[in-house]
Each structure stands twice: as structure tokens, then as C-alpha cells.
Amino acid sequence: MWKFFERFPAPELASDADLDELEEMISPLGLSQRRAKALVQMSNDYLNKDWKNEPRTLYGIGKYASDAYRIFCLGDWKDVEPKDGALVNYHNFLKFHENQE
């Protein structure tokens, strides 16, 4: 991960990454061809799409990441119904503390 961020410290650089170089760098993770393409596509989407209110429009972002972004970054937790166990626990924690005020 750190090698990736050293080599590609900005999405502009990752969006134009050489796939062969990226595949070699992330090969210990497995599925390096697929992941390399996903990193480049996600970086392009990050730069070119209007995703700030709905991160699921970014390539590779699913419900968990979208819910986490809305809860932690947007503070929009009341309108999120997470399914992931850790997010459900945190969501319940927020609801409990809101009711205590």
C-alpha cells in the first residue's frame, strides 16, 4: 500500500498509471490484473464524476464503502441503513447517544 501511495500520491497519477507497473506492484495481493484496472478506473471516476453525495457512482464502490462515507464523512448517518456488522454497531451507538441527549 505504501509503495502504491509513494508512486501515485495523487489520483491524477493513478488514473494514468501503467497497468503493467501497477500489476507488478500489487501482485502479492492476487488478482493483480483486475485490481490494477479497478484502481485506474476508480481514480478516473474520482476525478471526473460527480460522486461526492453518492460514492457508489465510483467504480468498485459498494454498499459498505458508500455507507461508511455517508456516516463518517458526510455525517448523514440518520439516512443510512448499514448491513455490515461494524457499521451497524456504530450506527446503533450513534442512535443511542442521540437519544441520551
N, C-alpha and C. Protein backbone atom coordinates (compact mmCIF):
# COMPACT_ATOMS: atom_id res chain seq x y z
N MET A 1 0.82 -1.18 0.00
CA MET A 1 0.00 0.00 0.00
C MET A 1 0.87 1.26 0.00
N TRP A 2 1.89 1.25 0.84
CA TRP A 2 2.74 2.44 0.94
C TRP A 2 3.53 2.67 -0.34
N LYS A 3 3.95 1.58 -0.98
CA LYS A 3 4.65 1.73 -2.27
C LYS A 3 3.72 2.36 -3.30
N PHE A 4 2.47 1.93 -3.27
CA PHE A 4 1.48 2.49 -4.20
C PHE A 4 1.36 4.00 -3.98
N PHE A 5 1.18 4.41 -2.73
CA PHE A 5 0.99 5.84 -2.44
C PHE A 5 2.26 6.65 -2.65
N GLU A 6 3.41 6.03 -2.49
CA GLU A 6 4.66 6.72 -2.82
C GLU A 6 4.74 7.00 -4.32
N ARG A 7 4.39 5.99 -5.09
CA ARG A 7 4.49 6.10 -6.55
C ARG A 7 3.35 6.93 -7.14
N PHE A 8 2.16 6.84 -6.54
CA PHE A 8 0.96 7.51 -7.04
C PHE A 8 0.31 8.32 -5.92
N PRO A 9 0.93 9.43 -5.51
CA PRO A 9 0.42 10.18 -4.37
C PRO A 9 -0.85 11.00 -4.66
N ALA A 10 -1.27 11.04 -5.91
CA ALA A 10 -2.46 11.81 -6.28
C ALA A 10 -3.29 11.00 -7.28
N PRO A 11 -4.61 11.19 -7.28
CA PRO A 11 -5.45 10.42 -8.21
C PRO A 11 -5.12 10.70 -9.67
N GLU A 12 -4.60 11.90 -9.97
CA GLU A 12 -4.22 12.20 -11.36
C GLU A 12 -3.13 11.24 -11.84
N LEU A 13 -2.22 10.90 -10.94
CA LEU A 13 -1.14 9.97 -11.30
C LEU A 13 -1.66 8.54 -11.41
N ALA A 14 -2.51 8.14 -10.48
CA ALA A 14 -3.06 6.78 -10.51
C ALA A 14 -3.98 6.58 -11.71
N SER A 15 -4.68 7.63 -12.12
CA SER A 15 -5.60 7.50 -13.25
C SER A 15 -4.88 7.26 -14.56
N ASP A 16 -3.60 7.57 -14.58
CA ASP A 16 -2.80 7.41 -15.80
C ASP A 16 -1.69 6.36 -15.61
N ALA A 17 -1.85 5.51 -14.60
CA ALA A 17 -0.81 4.53 -14.27
C ALA A 17 -0.62 3.51 -15.37
N ASP A 18 0.60 3.07 -15.52
CA ASP A 18 0.92 1.97 -16.43
C ASP A 18 0.41 0.68 -15.79
N LEU A 19 -0.48 -0.02 -16.47
CA LEU A 19 -1.09 -1.21 -15.88
C LEU A 19 -0.07 -2.29 -15.54
N ASP A 20 0.94 -2.48 -16.39
CA ASP A 20 1.95 -3.49 -16.11
C ASP A 20 2.72 -3.17 -14.82
N GLU A 21 3.09 -1.91 -14.65
CA GLU A 21 3.79 -1.49 -13.44
C GLU A 21 2.90 -1.68 -12.20
N LEU A 22 1.67 -1.29 -12.33
CA LEU A 22 0.73 -1.40 -11.22
C LEU A 22 0.46 -2.86 -10.87
N GLU A 23 0.27 -3.70 -11.88
CA GLU A 23 0.06 -5.13 -11.65
C GLU A 23 1.23 -5.74 -10.90
N GLU A 24 2.44 -5.40 -11.30
CA GLU A 24 3.62 -5.93 -10.62
C GLU A 24 3.65 -5.47 -9.16
N MET A 25 3.33 -4.22 -8.94
CA MET A 25 3.37 -3.66 -7.60
C MET A 25 2.37 -4.34 -6.65
N ILE A 26 1.18 -4.66 -7.16
CA ILE A 26 0.15 -5.23 -6.30
C ILE A 26 0.01 -6.74 -6.45
N SER A 27 0.90 -7.37 -7.17
CA SER A 27 0.80 -8.81 -7.41
C SER A 27 0.72 -9.66 -6.14
N PRO A 28 1.37 -9.27 -5.02
CA PRO A 28 1.23 -10.10 -3.81
C PRO A 28 -0.22 -10.20 -3.30
N LEU A 29 -1.07 -9.29 -3.71
CA LEU A 29 -2.46 -9.32 -3.27
C LEU A 29 -3.29 -10.35 -4.03
N GLY A 30 -2.81 -10.77 -5.19
CA GLY A 30 -3.58 -11.64 -6.05
C GLY A 30 -4.53 -10.81 -6.91
N LEU A 31 -5.06 -11.42 -7.95
CA LEU A 31 -5.97 -10.75 -8.87
C LEU A 31 -5.43 -9.40 -9.34
N SER A 32 -4.13 -9.34 -9.59
CA SER A 32 -3.48 -8.05 -9.85
C SER A 32 -3.96 -7.39 -11.14
N GLN A 33 -4.29 -8.16 -12.16
CA GLN A 33 -4.80 -7.54 -13.41
C GLN A 33 -6.11 -6.81 -13.14
N ARG A 34 -7.01 -7.52 -12.49
CA ARG A 34 -8.33 -6.95 -12.19
C ARG A 34 -8.20 -5.74 -11.26
N ARG A 35 -7.40 -5.87 -10.23
CA ARG A 35 -7.24 -4.78 -9.26
C ARG A 35 -6.54 -3.57 -9.86
N ALA A 36 -5.57 -3.81 -10.71
CA ALA A 36 -4.87 -2.70 -11.36
C ALA A 36 -5.85 -1.89 -12.22
N LYS A 37 -6.66 -2.58 -13.02
CA LYS A 37 -7.65 -1.91 -13.85
C LYS A 37 -8.66 -1.16 -12.98
N ALA A 38 -9.05 -1.77 -11.86
CA ALA A 38 -10.02 -1.13 -10.96
C ALA A 38 -9.44 0.14 -10.34
N LEU A 39 -8.17 0.11 -9.94
CA LEU A 39 -7.54 1.30 -9.36
C LEU A 39 -7.48 2.45 -10.35
N VAL A 40 -7.15 2.13 -11.59
CA VAL A 40 -7.08 3.17 -12.63
C VAL A 40 -8.48 3.71 -12.91
N GLN A 41 -9.46 2.82 -13.04
CA GLN A 41 -10.84 3.26 -13.34
C GLN A 41 -11.41 4.08 -12.18
N MET A 42 -11.19 3.62 -10.95
CA MET A 42 -11.70 4.36 -9.79
C MET A 42 -11.06 5.75 -9.72
N SER A 43 -9.78 5.83 -10.00
CA SER A 43 -9.09 7.12 -9.98
C SER A 43 -9.67 8.06 -11.05
N ASN A 44 -9.95 7.51 -12.23
CA ASN A 44 -10.58 8.32 -13.29
C ASN A 44 -11.96 8.79 -12.86
N ASP A 45 -12.75 7.89 -12.29
CA ASP A 45 -14.08 8.27 -11.83
C ASP A 45 -14.00 9.33 -10.73
N TYR A 46 -13.06 9.15 -9.82
CA TYR A 46 -12.88 10.10 -8.72
C TYR A 46 -12.64 11.51 -9.26
N LEU A 47 -11.87 11.58 -10.32
CA LEU A 47 -11.54 12.89 -10.91
C LEU A 47 -12.65 13.45 -11.79
N ASN A 48 -13.42 12.58 -12.44
CA ASN A 48 -14.31 13.06 -13.50
C ASN A 48 -15.80 12.93 -13.22
N LYS A 49 -16.20 12.21 -12.20
CA LYS A 49 -17.62 12.05 -11.91
C LYS A 49 -18.04 12.93 -10.74
N ASP A 50 -19.32 13.23 -10.68
CA ASP A 50 -19.89 13.96 -9.55
C ASP A 50 -20.36 12.91 -8.53
N TRP A 51 -19.49 12.55 -7.62
CA TRP A 51 -19.74 11.43 -6.72
C TRP A 51 -19.86 11.84 -5.25
N LYS A 52 -19.64 13.07 -4.92
CA LYS A 52 -19.49 13.47 -3.50
C LYS A 52 -20.73 13.20 -2.66
N ASN A 53 -21.90 13.17 -3.24
CA ASN A 53 -23.10 12.83 -2.48
C ASN A 53 -23.49 11.37 -2.62
N GLU A 54 -22.94 10.70 -3.59
CA GLU A 54 -23.23 9.27 -3.76
C GLU A 54 -22.00 8.56 -4.30
N PRO A 55 -21.13 8.10 -3.40
CA PRO A 55 -19.88 7.47 -3.83
C PRO A 55 -20.06 6.16 -4.58
N ARG A 56 -21.25 5.58 -4.58
CA ARG A 56 -21.44 4.34 -5.32
C ARG A 56 -21.30 4.54 -6.82
N THR A 57 -21.27 5.78 -7.27
CA THR A 57 -21.05 6.03 -8.70
C THR A 57 -19.58 5.80 -9.08
N LEU A 58 -18.71 5.73 -8.07
CA LEU A 58 -17.30 5.42 -8.33
C LEU A 58 -17.15 3.93 -8.61
N TYR A 59 -16.34 3.60 -9.60
CA TYR A 59 -16.10 2.20 -9.94
C TYR A 59 -15.54 1.46 -8.73
N GLY A 60 -16.13 0.31 -8.41
CA GLY A 60 -15.61 -0.54 -7.35
C GLY A 60 -16.15 -0.23 -5.96
N ILE A 61 -16.97 0.80 -5.82
CA ILE A 61 -17.50 1.16 -4.51
C ILE A 61 -18.86 0.49 -4.34
N GLY A 62 -18.99 -0.27 -3.27
CA GLY A 62 -20.25 -0.94 -2.98
C GLY A 62 -20.95 -0.32 -1.79
N LYS A 63 -21.90 -1.04 -1.26
CA LYS A 63 -22.73 -0.55 -0.16
C LYS A 63 -21.91 -0.22 1.07
N TYR A 64 -20.98 -1.08 1.46
CA TYR A 64 -20.20 -0.83 2.68
C TYR A 64 -19.43 0.49 2.57
N ALA A 65 -18.69 0.68 1.52
CA ALA A 65 -17.89 1.90 1.38
C ALA A 65 -18.78 3.13 1.26
N SER A 66 -19.89 3.00 0.55
CA SER A 66 -20.82 4.11 0.41
C SER A 66 -21.43 4.47 1.76
N ASP A 67 -21.86 3.47 2.51
CA ASP A 67 -22.43 3.71 3.84
C ASP A 67 -21.40 4.34 4.77
N ALA A 68 -20.17 3.82 4.75
CA ALA A 68 -19.11 4.35 5.61
C ALA A 68 -18.83 5.81 5.26
N TYR A 69 -18.76 6.14 3.98
CA TYR A 69 -18.52 7.52 3.55
C TYR A 69 -19.63 8.42 4.05
N ARG A 70 -20.87 7.98 3.87
CA ARG A 70 -22.01 8.81 4.29
C ARG A 70 -22.04 9.00 5.80
N ILE A 71 -21.70 7.96 6.55
CA ILE A 71 -21.71 8.05 8.01
C ILE A 71 -20.56 8.91 8.52
N PHE A 72 -19.33 8.59 8.11
CA PHE A 72 -18.14 9.22 8.68
C PHE A 72 -17.76 10.55 8.02
N CYS A 73 -18.00 10.67 6.72
CA CYS A 73 -17.56 11.88 6.02
C CYS A 73 -18.66 12.92 5.86
N LEU A 74 -19.88 12.46 5.60
CA LEU A 74 -20.97 13.39 5.39
C LEU A 74 -21.79 13.63 6.66
N GLY A 75 -21.65 12.75 7.66
CA GLY A 75 -22.46 12.87 8.87
C GLY A 75 -23.93 12.58 8.62
N ASP A 76 -24.20 11.85 7.56
CA ASP A 76 -25.55 11.56 7.10
C ASP A 76 -26.03 10.21 7.65
N TRP A 77 -25.65 9.89 8.87
CA TRP A 77 -25.89 8.56 9.42
C TRP A 77 -27.37 8.25 9.62
N LYS A 78 -28.20 9.26 9.86
CA LYS A 78 -29.63 9.00 10.11
C LYS A 78 -30.33 8.44 8.88
N ASP A 79 -29.81 8.73 7.70
CA ASP A 79 -30.44 8.27 6.46
C ASP A 79 -29.77 7.02 5.89
N VAL A 80 -28.88 6.40 6.66
CA VAL A 80 -28.17 5.21 6.22
C VAL A 80 -28.70 4.00 6.98
N GLU A 81 -28.90 2.91 6.27
CA GLU A 81 -29.28 1.65 6.90
C GLU A 81 -28.19 0.62 6.59
N PRO A 82 -27.12 0.63 7.38
CA PRO A 82 -26.00 -0.27 7.08
C PRO A 82 -26.36 -1.74 7.33
N LYS A 83 -25.67 -2.60 6.61
CA LYS A 83 -25.83 -4.06 6.78
C LYS A 83 -24.57 -4.67 7.38
N ASP A 84 -23.42 -4.01 7.21
CA ASP A 84 -22.16 -4.50 7.75
C ASP A 84 -22.20 -4.44 9.27
N GLY A 85 -21.72 -5.50 9.93
CA GLY A 85 -21.80 -5.59 11.38
C GLY A 85 -21.16 -4.43 12.12
N ALA A 86 -19.95 -4.03 11.72
CA ALA A 86 -19.26 -2.94 12.41
C ALA A 86 -19.99 -1.62 12.20
N LEU A 87 -20.49 -1.39 10.99
CA LEU A 87 -21.23 -0.16 10.74
C LEU A 87 -22.57 -0.16 11.48
N VAL A 88 -23.21 -1.31 11.56
CA VAL A 88 -24.46 -1.42 12.32
C VAL A 88 -24.20 -1.08 13.78
N ASN A 89 -23.12 -1.62 14.34
CA ASN A 89 -22.79 -1.32 15.74
C ASN A 89 -22.55 0.17 15.95
N TYR A 90 -21.80 0.80 15.07
CA TYR A 90 -21.53 2.22 15.20
C TYR A 90 -22.80 3.03 15.00
N HIS A 91 -23.62 2.63 14.06
CA HIS A 91 -24.90 3.29 13.80
C HIS A 91 -25.78 3.21 15.05
N ASN A 92 -25.84 2.04 15.67
CA ASN A 92 -26.61 1.88 16.91
C ASN A 92 -26.04 2.74 18.03
N PHE A 93 -24.72 2.84 18.10
CA PHE A 93 -24.05 3.69 19.08
C PHE A 93 -24.48 5.15 18.89
N LEU A 94 -24.48 5.62 17.66
CA LEU A 94 -24.90 6.99 17.38
C LEU A 94 -26.35 7.23 17.76
N LYS A 95 -27.23 6.27 17.41
CA LYS A 95 -28.64 6.41 17.77
C LYS A 95 -28.83 6.44 19.28
N PHE A 96 -28.11 5.56 19.99
CA PHE A 96 -28.21 5.50 21.45
C PHE A 96 -27.80 6.84 22.06
N HIS A 97 -26.67 7.38 21.62
CA HIS A 97 -26.18 8.62 22.20
C HIS A 97 -27.03 9.82 21.80
N GLU A 98 -27.65 9.76 20.65
CA GLU A 98 -28.56 10.84 20.28
C GLU A 98 -29.78 10.84 21.20
N ASN A 99 -30.25 9.66 21.55
CA ASN A 99 -31.42 9.54 22.43
C ASN A 99 -31.11 9.91 23.87
N GLN A 100 -29.83 9.90 24.26
CA GLN A 100 -29.42 10.22 25.61
C GLN A 100 -29.35 11.72 25.85
N GLU A 101 -29.30 12.49 24.77
CA GLU A 101 -29.14 13.95 24.89
C GLU A 101 -30.42 14.63 25.29
